[in-house]
PDB file of N, CA and C in Angstrom:
ATOM      1  N   MET A   1     -15.825   3.064   0.476  1.00  0.00           N
ATOM      2  CA  MET A   1     -14.655   2.681   1.252  1.00  0.00           C
ATOM      3  C   MET A   1     -13.408   3.072   0.477  1.00  0.00           C
ATOM      4  N   GLY A   2     -12.416   3.443   1.209  1.00  0.00           N
ATOM      5  CA  GLY A   2     -11.145   3.800   0.603  1.00  0.00           C
ATOM      6  C   GLY A   2     -10.066   2.818   1.016  1.00  0.00           C
ATOM      7  N   PHE A   3      -8.959   2.862   0.286  1.00  0.00           N
ATOM      8  CA  PHE A   3      -7.821   2.038   0.646  1.00  0.00           C
ATOM      9  C   PHE A   3      -6.554   2.823   0.392  1.00  0.00           C
ATOM     10  N   GLY A   4      -5.495   2.369   0.991  1.00  0.00           N
ATOM     11  CA  GLY A   4      -4.203   3.000   0.802  1.00  0.00           C
ATOM     12  C   GLY A   4      -3.132   2.055   1.282  1.00  0.00           C
ATOM     13  N   GLY A   5      -1.949   2.287   0.818  1.00  0.00           N
ATOM     14  CA  GLY A   5      -0.849   1.450   1.252  1.00  0.00           C
ATOM     15  C   GLY A   5       0.471   2.078   0.871  1.00  0.00           C
ATOM     16  N   LEU A   6       1.529   1.498   1.367  1.00  0.00           N
ATOM     17  CA  LEU A   6       2.846   1.980   1.009  1.00  0.00           C
ATOM     18  C   LEU A   6       3.780   0.813   0.810  1.00  0.00           C
ATOM     19  N   VAL A   7       4.819   1.077   0.042  1.00  0.00           N
ATOM     20  CA  VAL A   7       5.869   0.094  -0.219  1.00  0.00           C
ATOM     21  C   VAL A   7       7.112   0.628   0.467  1.00  0.00           C
ATOM     22  N   ARG A   8       7.703  -0.200   1.320  1.00  0.00           N
ATOM     23  CA  ARG A   8       8.889   0.209   2.066  1.00  0.00           C
ATOM     24  C   ARG A   8      10.089  -0.613   1.620  1.00  0.00           C
ATOM     25  N   GLY A   9      11.251  -0.001   1.749  1.00  0.00           N
ATOM     26  CA  GLY A   9      12.498  -0.696   1.463  1.00  0.00           C
ATOM     27  C   GLY A   9      12.922  -1.541   2.638  1.00  0.00           C
ATOM     28  N   ARG A  10      14.063  -2.164   2.484  1.00  0.00           N
ATOM     29  CA  ARG A  10      14.591  -3.050   3.526  1.00  0.00           C
ATOM     30  C   ARG A  10      14.741  -2.322   4.866  1.00  0.00           C
ATOM     31  N   ASP A  11      15.108  -1.035   4.811  1.00  0.00           N
ATOM     32  CA  ASP A  11      15.285  -0.254   6.034  1.00  0.00           C
ATOM     33  C   ASP A  11      14.026   0.524   6.414  1.00  0.00           C
ATOM     34  N   LYS A  12      12.910   0.104   5.890  1.00  0.00           N
ATOM     35  CA  LYS A  12      11.587   0.668   6.172  1.00  0.00           C
ATOM     36  C   LYS A  12      11.386   2.071   5.605  1.00  0.00           C
ATOM     37  N   GLN A  13      12.254   2.506   4.677  1.00  0.00           N
ATOM     38  CA  GLN A  13      12.095   3.819   4.070  1.00  0.00           C
ATOM     39  C   GLN A  13      11.012   3.778   3.004  1.00  0.00           C
ATOM     40  N   TRP A  14      10.434   4.940   2.717  1.00  0.00           N
ATOM     41  CA  TRP A  14       9.378   5.092   1.714  1.00  0.00           C
ATOM     42  C   TRP A  14       9.927   4.785   0.324  1.00  0.00           C
ATOM     43  N   LEU A  15       9.278   3.888  -0.407  1.00  0.00           N
ATOM     44  CA  LEU A  15       9.588   3.656  -1.808  1.00  0.00           C
ATOM     45  C   LEU A  15       8.451   4.123  -2.704  1.00  0.00           C
ATOM     46  N   GLY A  16       7.248   4.136  -2.176  1.00  0.00           N
ATOM     47  CA  GLY A  16       6.086   4.578  -2.943  1.00  0.00           C
ATOM     48  C   GLY A  16       4.827   4.273  -2.171  1.00  0.00           C
ATOM     49  N   GLY A  17       3.729   4.803  -2.666  1.00  0.00           N
ATOM     50  CA  GLY A  17       2.456   4.575  -2.002  1.00  0.00           C
ATOM     51  C   GLY A  17       1.322   4.666  -2.990  1.00  0.00           C
ATOM     52  N   PHE A  18       0.118   4.419  -2.512  1.00  0.00           N
ATOM     53  CA  PHE A  18      -1.063   4.476  -3.358  1.00  0.00           C
ATOM     54  C   PHE A  18      -2.288   4.682  -2.491  1.00  0.00           C
ATOM     55  N   ILE A  19      -3.293   5.319  -3.067  1.00  0.00           N
ATOM     56  CA  ILE A  19      -4.578   5.505  -2.408  1.00  0.00           C
ATOM     57  C   ILE A  19      -5.663   5.285  -3.444  1.00  0.00           C
ATOM     58  N   GLY A  20      -6.862   4.944  -3.020  1.00  0.00           N
ATOM     59  CA  GLY A  20      -7.961   4.767  -3.959  1.00  0.00           C
ATOM     60  C   GLY A  20      -9.296   4.685  -3.259  1.00  0.00           C
ATOM     61  N   PHE A  21     -10.328   4.791  -4.042  1.00  0.00           N
ATOM     62  CA  PHE A  21     -11.702   4.753  -3.547  1.00  0.00           C
ATOM     63  C   PHE A  21     -12.464   3.692  -4.321  1.00  0.00           C
ATOM     64  N   VAL A  22     -13.179   2.813  -3.616  1.00  0.00           N
ATOM     65  CA  VAL A  22     -13.937   1.762  -4.287  1.00  0.00           C
ATOM     66  C   VAL A  22     -15.433   1.830  -3.988  1.00  0.00           C
ATOM     67  N   GLY A  23     -15.873   2.784  -3.210  1.00  0.00           N
ATOM     68  CA  GLY A  23     -17.288   2.857  -2.870  1.00  0.00           C
ATOM     69  C   GLY A  23     -17.635   1.815  -1.826  1.00  0.00           C
ATOM     70  N   LEU A  24     -18.756   1.169  -2.001  1.00  0.00           N
ATOM     71  CA  LEU A  24     -19.197   0.164  -1.039  1.00  0.00           C
ATOM     72  C   LEU A  24     -18.586  -1.182  -1.367  1.00  0.00           C
ATOM     73  N   GLY A  25     -18.356  -1.967  -0.347  1.00  0.00           N
ATOM     74  CA  GLY A  25     -17.818  -3.308  -0.549  1.00  0.00           C
ATOM     75  C   GLY A  25     -17.441  -3.909   0.786  1.00  0.00           C
ATOM     76  N   SER A  26     -17.124  -5.185   0.754  1.00  0.00           N
ATOM     77  CA  SER A  26     -16.711  -5.866   1.979  1.00  0.00           C
ATOM     78  C   SER A  26     -15.258  -5.518   2.283  1.00  0.00           C
ATOM     79  N   LEU A  27     -14.866  -5.728   3.524  1.00  0.00           N
ATOM     80  CA  LEU A  27     -13.494  -5.476   3.921  1.00  0.00           C
ATOM     81  C   LEU A  27     -12.537  -6.350   3.122  1.00  0.00           C
ATOM     82  N   LEU A  28     -12.905  -7.613   2.896  1.00  0.00           N
ATOM     83  CA  LEU A  28     -12.060  -8.517   2.111  1.00  0.00           C
ATOM     84  C   LEU A  28     -11.878  -7.992   0.690  1.00  0.00           C
ATOM     85  N   GLU A  29     -12.949  -7.490   0.095  1.00  0.00           N
ATOM     86  CA  GLU A  29     -12.872  -6.942  -1.260  1.00  0.00           C
ATOM     87  C   GLU A  29     -11.937  -5.728  -1.306  1.00  0.00           C
ATOM     88  N   VAL A  30     -12.075  -4.838  -0.338  1.00  0.00           N
ATOM     89  CA  VAL A  30     -11.243  -3.635  -0.310  1.00  0.00           C
ATOM     90  C   VAL A  30      -9.781  -4.004  -0.080  1.00  0.00           C
ATOM     91  N   GLU A  31      -9.510  -4.919   0.850  1.00  0.00           N
ATOM     92  CA  GLU A  31      -8.132  -5.354   1.108  1.00  0.00           C
ATOM     93  C   GLU A  31      -7.528  -6.010  -0.143  1.00  0.00           C
ATOM     94  N   SER A  32      -8.323  -6.816  -0.838  1.00  0.00           N
ATOM     95  CA  SER A  32      -7.847  -7.468  -2.063  1.00  0.00           C
ATOM     96  C   SER A  32      -7.549  -6.443  -3.146  1.00  0.00           C
ATOM     97  N   LEU A  33      -8.409  -5.437  -3.280  1.00  0.00           N
ATOM     98  CA  LEU A  33      -8.165  -4.377  -4.254  1.00  0.00           C
ATOM     99  C   LEU A  33      -6.906  -3.585  -3.902  1.00  0.00           C
ATOM    100  N   ALA A  34      -6.636  -3.419  -2.623  1.00  0.00           N
ATOM    101  CA  ALA A  34      -5.418  -2.721  -2.210  1.00  0.00           C
ATOM    102  C   ALA A  34      -4.178  -3.505  -2.630  1.00  0.00           C
ATOM    103  N   VAL A  35      -4.208  -4.830  -2.466  1.00  0.00           N
ATOM    104  CA  VAL A  35      -3.079  -5.660  -2.907  1.00  0.00           C
ATOM    105  C   VAL A  35      -2.916  -5.553  -4.416  1.00  0.00           C
ATOM    106  N   LEU A  36      -4.014  -5.637  -5.148  1.00  0.00           N
ATOM    107  CA  LEU A  36      -3.948  -5.494  -6.604  1.00  0.00           C
ATOM    108  C   LEU A  36      -3.407  -4.123  -7.006  1.00  0.00           C
ATOM    109  N   ALA A  37      -3.856  -3.093  -6.331  1.00  0.00           N
ATOM    110  CA  ALA A  37      -3.389  -1.742  -6.653  1.00  0.00           C
ATOM    111  C   ALA A  37      -1.895  -1.615  -6.403  1.00  0.00           C
ATOM    112  N   ALA A  38      -1.424  -2.196  -5.306  1.00  0.00           N
ATOM    113  CA  ALA A  38       0.010  -2.135  -5.004  1.00  0.00           C
ATOM    114  C   ALA A  38       0.826  -2.813  -6.094  1.00  0.00           C
ATOM    115  N   LEU A  39       0.423  -4.014  -6.457  1.00  0.00           N
ATOM    116  CA  LEU A  39       1.169  -4.734  -7.487  1.00  0.00           C
ATOM    117  C   LEU A  39       1.052  -4.046  -8.836  1.00  0.00           C
ATOM    118  N   ASN A  40      -0.130  -3.569  -9.154  1.00  0.00           N
ATOM    119  CA  ASN A  40      -0.355  -2.902 -10.439  1.00  0.00           C
ATOM    120  C   ASN A  40       0.405  -1.581 -10.512  1.00  0.00           C
ATOM    121  N   SER A  41       0.458  -0.844  -9.427  1.00  0.00           N
ATOM    122  CA  SER A  41       1.109   0.463  -9.422  1.00  0.00           C
ATOM    123  C   SER A  41       2.622   0.368  -9.497  1.00  0.00           C
ATOM    124  N   PHE A  42       3.170  -0.708  -9.007  1.00  0.00           N
ATOM    125  CA  PHE A  42       4.622  -0.792  -8.929  1.00  0.00           C
ATOM    126  C   PHE A  42       5.236  -1.799  -9.887  1.00  0.00           C
ATOM    127  N   HIS A  43       4.453  -2.335 -10.772  1.00  0.00           N
ATOM    128  CA  HIS A  43       4.994  -3.181 -11.837  1.00  0.00           C
ATOM    129  C   HIS A  43       4.159  -2.945 -13.079  1.00  0.00           C
ATOM    130  N   LYS A  44       4.750  -2.327 -14.097  1.00  0.00           N
ATOM    131  CA  LYS A  44       3.975  -1.871 -15.257  1.00  0.00           C
ATOM    132  C   LYS A  44       3.393  -2.993 -16.107  1.00  0.00           C
ATOM    133  N   HIS A  45       3.829  -4.238 -15.935  1.00  0.00           N
ATOM    134  CA  HIS A  45       3.316  -5.335 -16.757  1.00  0.00           C
ATOM    135  C   HIS A  45       2.381  -6.265 -15.997  1.00  0.00           C
ATOM    136  N   PHE A  46       1.877  -5.795 -14.879  1.00  0.00           N
ATOM    137  CA  PHE A  46       0.979  -6.627 -14.072  1.00  0.00           C
ATOM    138  C   PHE A  46      -0.299  -6.944 -14.825  1.00  0.00           C
ATOM    139  N   GLY A  47      -0.841  -8.092 -14.616  1.00  0.00           N
ATOM    140  CA  GLY A  47      -2.100  -8.424 -15.271  1.00  0.00           C
ATOM    141  C   GLY A  47      -2.738  -9.670 -14.728  1.00  0.00           C
ATOM    142  N   LEU A  48      -1.976 -10.742 -14.646  1.00  0.00           N
ATOM    143  CA  LEU A  48      -2.541 -12.036 -14.278  1.00  0.00           C
ATOM    144  C   LEU A  48      -1.761 -12.675 -13.139  1.00  0.00           C
ATOM    145  N   VAL A  49      -2.326 -13.704 -12.582  1.00  0.00           N
ATOM    146  CA  VAL A  49      -1.691 -14.401 -11.464  1.00  0.00           C
ATOM    147  C   VAL A  49      -0.321 -14.950 -11.853  1.00  0.00           C
ATOM    148  N   LYS A  50      -0.147 -15.359 -13.082  1.00  0.00           N
ATOM    149  CA  LYS A  50       1.158 -15.855 -13.537  1.00  0.00           C
ATOM    150  C   LYS A  50       2.244 -14.805 -13.356  1.00  0.00           C
ATOM    151  N   ILE A  51       1.900 -13.561 -13.601  1.00  0.00           N
ATOM    152  CA  ILE A  51       2.877 -12.489 -13.451  1.00  0.00           C
ATOM    153  C   ILE A  51       3.228 -12.298 -11.981  1.00  0.00           C
ATOM    154  N   ILE A  52       2.230 -12.387 -11.110  1.00  0.00           N
ATOM    155  CA  ILE A  52       2.501 -12.268  -9.678  1.00  0.00           C
ATOM    156  C   ILE A  52       3.468 -13.366  -9.245  1.00  0.00           C
ATOM    157  N   LYS A  53       3.215 -14.584  -9.693  1.00  0.00           N
ATOM    158  CA  LYS A  53       4.097 -15.693  -9.337  1.00  0.00           C
ATOM    159  C   LYS A  53       5.512 -15.465  -9.862  1.00  0.00           C
ATOM    160  N   ALA A  54       5.624 -14.920 -11.056  1.00  0.00           N
ATOM    161  CA  ALA A  54       6.944 -14.629 -11.619  1.00  0.00           C
ATOM    162  C   ALA A  54       7.670 -13.569 -10.790  1.00  0.00           C
ATOM    163  N   LEU A  55       6.925 -12.563 -10.346  1.00  0.00           N
ATOM    164  CA  LEU A  55       7.532 -11.531  -9.505  1.00  0.00           C
ATOM    165  C   LEU A  55       8.016 -12.105  -8.183  1.00  0.00           C
ATOM    166  N   LEU A  56       7.214 -12.952  -7.596  1.00  0.00           N
ATOM    167  CA  LEU A  56       7.578 -13.547  -6.309  1.00  0.00           C
ATOM    168  C   LEU A  56       8.770 -14.490  -6.436  1.00  0.00           C
ATOM    169  N   ALA A  57       9.011 -15.023  -7.635  1.00  0.00           N
ATOM    170  CA  ALA A  57      10.121 -15.948  -7.855  1.00  0.00           C
ATOM    171  C   ALA A  57      11.450 -15.221  -8.093  1.00  0.00           C
ATOM    172  N   ARG A  58      11.430 -13.912  -8.242  1.00  0.00           N
ATOM    173  CA  ARG A  58      12.664 -13.154  -8.486  1.00  0.00           C
ATOM    174  C   ARG A  58      13.588 -13.190  -7.286  1.00  0.00           C
ATOM    175  N   GLU A  59      14.805 -12.727  -7.502  1.00  0.00           N
ATOM    176  CA  GLU A  59      15.836 -12.708  -6.466  1.00  0.00           C
ATOM    177  C   GLU A  59      15.633 -11.520  -5.521  1.00  0.00           C
ATOM    178  N   TRP A  60      14.487 -11.441  -4.899  1.00  0.00           N
ATOM    179  CA  TRP A  60      14.202 -10.425  -3.908  1.00  0.00           C
ATOM    180  C   TRP A  60      13.265 -11.016  -2.884  1.00  0.00           C
ATOM    181  N   VAL A  61      13.127 -10.357  -1.802  1.00  0.00           N
ATOM    182  CA  VAL A  61      12.251 -10.841  -0.746  1.00  0.00           C
ATOM    183  C   VAL A  61      10.961 -10.024  -0.802  1.00  0.00           C
ATOM    184  N   VAL A  62       9.851 -10.707  -1.016  1.00  0.00           N
ATOM    185  CA  VAL A  62       8.539 -10.078  -1.029  1.00  0.00           C
ATOM    186  C   VAL A  62       7.698 -10.782   0.021  1.00  0.00           C
ATOM    187  N   SER A  63       7.088  -9.997   0.877  1.00  0.00           N
ATOM    188  CA  SER A  63       6.211 -10.605   1.870  1.00  0.00           C
ATOM    189  C   SER A  63       4.977  -9.735   2.034  1.00  0.00           C
ATOM    190  N   PHE A  64       3.888 -10.373   2.366  1.00  0.00           N
ATOM    191  CA  PHE A  64       2.638  -9.692   2.646  1.00  0.00           C
ATOM    192  C   PHE A  64       2.342  -9.916   4.119  1.00  0.00           C
ATOM    193  N   LEU A  65       2.095  -8.842   4.811  1.00  0.00           N
ATOM    194  CA  LEU A  65       1.866  -8.916   6.242  1.00  0.00           C
ATOM    195  C   LEU A  65       0.655  -8.065   6.583  1.00  0.00           C
ATOM    196  N   HIS A  66      -0.328  -8.679   7.199  1.00  0.00           N
ATOM    197  CA  HIS A  66      -1.489  -7.913   7.643  1.00  0.00           C
ATOM    198  C   HIS A  66      -1.178  -7.331   9.006  1.00  0.00           C
ATOM    199  N   VAL A  67      -1.315  -6.027   9.110  1.00  0.00           N
ATOM    200  CA  VAL A  67      -1.096  -5.332  10.368  1.00  0.00           C
ATOM    201  C   VAL A  67      -2.375  -4.562  10.673  1.00  0.00           C
ATOM    202  N   TYR A  68      -2.868  -4.692  11.886  1.00  0.00           N
ATOM    203  CA  TYR A  68      -4.082  -3.974  12.252  1.00  0.00           C
ATOM    204  C   TYR A  68      -3.861  -2.469  12.174  1.00  0.00           C
ATOM    205  N   ARG A  69      -4.912  -1.753  11.919  1.00  0.00           N
ATOM    206  CA  ARG A  69      -4.873  -0.309  11.697  1.00  0.00           C
ATOM    207  C   ARG A  69      -4.106   0.429  12.792  1.00  0.00           C
ATOM    208  N   ASP A  70      -4.323   0.069  14.039  1.00  0.00           N
ATOM    209  CA  ASP A  70      -3.662   0.772  15.146  1.00  0.00           C
ATOM    210  C   ASP A  70      -2.148   0.608  15.111  1.00  0.00           C
ATOM    211  N   GLY A  71      -1.676  -0.444  14.498  1.00  0.00           N
ATOM    212  CA  GLY A  71      -0.237  -0.694  14.433  1.00  0.00           C
ATOM    213  C   GLY A  71       0.410  -0.232  13.146  1.00  0.00           C
ATOM    214  N   ASN A  72      -0.336   0.450  12.280  1.00  0.00           N
ATOM    215  CA  ASN A  72       0.215   0.864  10.988  1.00  0.00           C
ATOM    216  C   ASN A  72      -0.374   2.222  10.602  1.00  0.00           C
ATOM    217  N   LYS A  73       0.005   3.244  11.322  1.00  0.00           N
ATOM    218  CA  LYS A  73      -0.554   4.584  11.137  1.00  0.00           C
ATOM    219  C   LYS A  73      -0.321   5.149   9.732  1.00  0.00           C
ATOM    220  N   PRO A  74       0.851   4.921   9.083  1.00  0.00           N
ATOM    221  CA  PRO A  74       1.023   5.477   7.731  1.00  0.00           C
ATOM    222  C   PRO A  74      -0.009   4.941   6.737  1.00  0.00           C
ATOM    223  N   VAL A  75      -0.271   3.652   6.782  1.00  0.00           N
ATOM    224  CA  VAL A  75      -1.234   3.058   5.857  1.00  0.00           C
ATOM    225  C   VAL A  75      -2.651   3.488   6.218  1.00  0.00           C
ATOM    226  N   ASP A  76      -2.940   3.615   7.498  1.00  0.00           N
ATOM    227  CA  ASP A  76      -4.261   4.093   7.913  1.00  0.00           C
ATOM    228  C   ASP A  76      -4.499   5.505   7.374  1.00  0.00           C
ATOM    229  N   TRP A  77      -3.489   6.377   7.448  1.00  0.00           N
ATOM    230  CA  TRP A  77      -3.616   7.740   6.922  1.00  0.00           C
ATOM    231  C   TRP A  77      -3.879   7.708   5.412  1.00  0.00           C
ATOM    232  N   LEU A  78      -3.116   6.849   4.677  1.00  0.00           N
ATOM    233  CA  LEU A  78      -3.309   6.749   3.231  1.00  0.00           C
ATOM    234  C   LEU A  78      -4.707   6.224   2.894  1.00  0.00           C
ATOM    235  N   ALA A  79      -5.190   5.250   3.661  1.00  0.00           N
ATOM    236  CA  ALA A  79      -6.525   4.706   3.412  1.00  0.00           C
ATOM    237  C   ALA A  79      -7.599   5.773   3.631  1.00  0.00           C
ATOM    238  N   CYS A  80      -7.410   6.612   4.626  1.00  0.00           N
ATOM    239  CA  CYS A  80      -8.364   7.702   4.862  1.00  0.00           C
ATOM    240  C   CYS A  80      -8.368   8.678   3.684  1.00  0.00           C
ATOM    241  N   GLN A  81      -7.194   8.957   3.125  1.00  0.00           N
ATOM    242  CA  GLN A  81      -7.128   9.823   1.948  1.00  0.00           C
ATOM    243  C   GLN A  81      -7.827   9.158   0.761  1.00  0.00           C
ATOM    244  N   GLY A  82      -7.642   7.843   0.643  1.00  0.00           N
ATOM    245  CA  GLY A  82      -8.318   7.107  -0.425  1.00  0.00           C
ATOM    246  C   GLY A  82      -9.824   7.166  -0.304  1.00  0.00           C
ATOM    247  N   ALA A  83     -10.323   7.150   0.936  1.00  0.00           N
ATOM    248  CA  ALA A  83     -11.775   7.212   1.153  1.00  0.00           C
ATOM    249  C   ALA A  83     -12.354   8.548   0.692  1.00  0.00           C
ATOM    250  N   ARG A  84     -11.530   9.589   0.658  1.00  0.00           N
ATOM    251  CA  ARG A  84     -11.982  10.911   0.218  1.00  0.00           C
ATOM    252  C   ARG A  84     -11.728  11.150  -1.275  1.00  0.00           C
ATOM    253  N   ALA A  85     -11.076  10.206  -1.937  1.00  0.00           N
ATOM    254  CA  ALA A  85     -10.658  10.394  -3.335  1.00  0.00           C
ATOM    255  C   ALA A  85     -11.834  10.259  -4.291  1.00  0.00           C
ATOM    256  N   ASP A  86     -11.676  10.846  -5.476  1.00  0.00           N
ATOM    257  CA  ASP A  86     -12.698  10.726  -6.514  1.00  0.00           C
ATOM    258  C   ASP A  86     -12.139  10.010  -7.743  1.00  0.00           C
ATOM    259  N   PHE A  87     -11.171   9.118  -7.530  1.00  0.00           N
ATOM    260  CA  PHE A  87     -10.550   8.353  -8.594  1.00  0.00           C
ATOM    261  C   PHE A  87     -10.320   6.926  -8.089  1.00  0.00           C
ATOM    262  N   PRO A  88     -10.204   5.947  -8.992  1.00  0.00           N
ATOM    263  CA  PRO A  88     -10.052   4.557  -8.552  1.00  0.00           C
ATOM    264  C   PRO A  88      -8.717   4.268  -7.868  1.00  0.00           C
ATOM    265  N   VAL A  89      -7.602   4.761  -8.416  1.00  0.00           N
ATOM    266  CA  VAL A  89      -6.298   4.529  -7.793  1.00  0.00           C
ATOM    267  C   VAL A  89      -5.311   5.570  -8.309  1.00  0.00           C
ATOM    268  N   LYS A  90      -4.406   5.964  -7.445  1.00  0.00           N
ATOM    269  CA  LYS A  90      -3.384   6.945  -7.803  1.00  0.00           C
ATOM    270  C   LYS A  90      -2.069   6.502  -7.186  1.00  0.00           C
ATOM    271  N   ARG A  91      -1.057   6.408  -8.023  1.00  0.00           N
ATOM    272  CA  ARG A  91       0.281   6.073  -7.529  1.00  0.00           C
ATOM    273  C   ARG A  91       0.915   7.329  -6.950  1.00  0.00           C
ATOM    274  N   LEU A  92       1.563   7.166  -5.809  1.00  0.00           N
ATOM    275  CA  LEU A  92       2.240   8.284  -5.154  1.00  0.00           C
ATOM    276  C   LEU A  92       3.740   8.028  -5.217  1.00  0.00           C
ATOM    277  N   ASP A  93       4.461   8.828  -5.985  1.00  0.00           N
ATOM    278  CA  ASP A  93       5.913   8.654  -6.093  1.00  0.00           C
ATOM    279  C   ASP A  93       6.663   9.419  -5.011  1.00  0.00           C
ATOM    280  N   VAL A  94       6.017  10.403  -4.428  1.00  0.00           N
ATOM    281  CA  VAL A  94       6.614  11.200  -3.360  1.00  0.00           C
ATOM    282  C   VAL A  94       5.755  11.031  -2.114  1.00  0.00           C
ATOM    283  N   SER A  95       6.419  10.775  -1.020  1.00  0.00           N
ATOM    284  CA  SER A  95       5.700  10.588   0.242  1.00  0.00           C
ATOM    285  C   SER A  95       5.075  11.896   0.699  1.00  0.00           C
ATOM    286  N   PRO A  96       3.770  11.876   1.019  1.00  0.00           N
ATOM    287  CA  PRO A  96       3.171  13.078   1.601  1.00  0.00           C
ATOM    288  C   PRO A  96       3.848  13.386   2.941  1.00  0.00           C
ATOM    289  N   PRO A  97       4.051  14.666   3.267  1.00  0.00           N
ATOM    290  CA  PRO A  97       4.726  15.025   4.526  1.00  0.00           C
ATOM    291  C   PRO A  97       4.115  14.355   5.759  1.00  0.00           C
ATOM    292  N   ALA A  98       2.804  14.240   5.804  1.00  0.00           N
ATOM    293  CA  ALA A  98       2.170  13.591   6.966  1.00  0.00           C
ATOM    294  C   ALA A  98       2.607  12.139   7.089  1.00  0.00           C
ATOM    295  N   VAL A  99       2.789  11.470   5.954  1.00  0.00           N
ATOM    296  CA  VAL A  99       3.214  10.068   5.976  1.00  0.00           C
ATOM    297  C   VAL A  99       4.673   9.962   6.411  1.00  0.00           C
ATOM    298  N   ASP A 100       5.510  10.912   5.981  1.00  0.00           N
ATOM    299  CA  ASP A 100       6.919  10.904   6.415  1.00  0.00           C
ATOM    300  C   ASP A 100       7.012  10.859   7.930  1.00  0.00           C
ATOM    301  N   THR A 101       6.252  11.716   8.573  1.00  0.00           N
ATOM    302  CA  THR A 101       6.260  11.775  10.036  1.00  0.00           C
ATOM    303  C   THR A 101       5.779  10.465  10.637  1.00  0.00           C
ATOM    304  N   LEU A 102       4.715   9.914  10.082  1.00  0.00           N
ATOM    305  CA  LEU A 102       4.167   8.665  10.615  1.00  0.00           C
ATOM    306  C   LEU A 102       5.106   7.487  10.385  1.00  0.00           C
ATOM    307  N   VAL A 103       5.816   7.464   9.248  1.00  0.00           N
ATOM    308  CA  VAL A 103       6.769   6.383   8.969  1.00  0.00           C
ATOM    309  C   VAL A 103       7.916   6.427   9.977  1.00  0.00           C
ATOM    310  N   VAL A 104       8.420   7.631  10.256  1.00  0.00           N
ATOM    311  CA  VAL A 104       9.503   7.767  11.242  1.00  0.00           C
ATOM    312  C   VAL A 104       9.017   7.298  12.610  1.00  0.00           C
ATOM    313  N   PHE A 105       7.855   7.755  13.028  1.00  0.00           N
ATOM    314  CA  PHE A 105       7.301   7.355  14.326  1.00  0.00           C
ATOM    315  C   PHE A 105       7.080   5.849  14.368  1.00  0.00           C
ATOM    316  N   ASP A 106       6.553   5.275  13.276  1.00  0.00           N
ATOM    317  CA  ASP A 106       6.293   3.837  13.191  1.00  0.00           C
ATOM    318  C   ASP A 106       7.592   3.048  13.312  1.00  0.00           C
ATOM    319  N   SER A 107       8.654   3.501  12.647  1.00  0.00           N
ATOM    320  CA  SER A 107       9.951   2.810  12.707  1.00  0.00           C
ATOM    321  C   SER A 107      10.540   2.862  14.111  1.00  0.00           C
ATOM    322  N   ILE A 108      10.416   4.007  14.766  1.00  0.00           N
ATOM    323  CA  ILE A 108      10.955   4.159  16.120  1.00  0.00           C
ATOM    324  C   ILE A 108      10.190   3.290  17.098  1.00  0.00           C
ATOM    325  N   SER A 109       8.876   3.242  16.957  1.00  0.00           N
ATOM    326  CA  SER A 109       8.061   2.499  17.918  1.00  0.00           C
ATOM    327  C   SER A 109       8.226   0.997  17.783  1.00  0.00           C
ATOM    328  N   ARG A 110       8.813   0.518  16.684  1.00  0.00           N
ATOM    329  CA  ARG A 110       9.002  -0.932  16.493  1.00  0.00           C
ATOM    330  C   ARG A 110      10.384  -1.402  16.921  1.00  0.00           C
ATOM    331  N   LEU A 111      11.238  -0.489  17.373  1.00  0.00           N
ATOM    332  CA  LEU A 111      12.602  -0.877  17.802  1.00  0.00           C
ATOM    333  C   LEU A 111      12.592  -1.648  19.073  1.00  0.00           C
TER     334      LEU A 111
END
């Protein structure tokens, strides 16, 4: 099984993304690994739950929202790439062109 995700700014613009492959596992396990990968990829000192709590306590808004695959095409595309990957996790600092198109379409369709 693969996973993927993206981090968006306040205006839904691309800030970063990640993809990875975990092999076999339950959906809950893969979703949990995706959350860990997101936090680990975008904060260099990640490690324990205490750090997550400290991050959430900062002067910023952090929210986790589960969106079904049909309603989140950019993340679905990244997860498919993760399923084909031969590495555990890779941080993406530049949005793949296919994701750019899907992010724009996703933003327009939610207006």
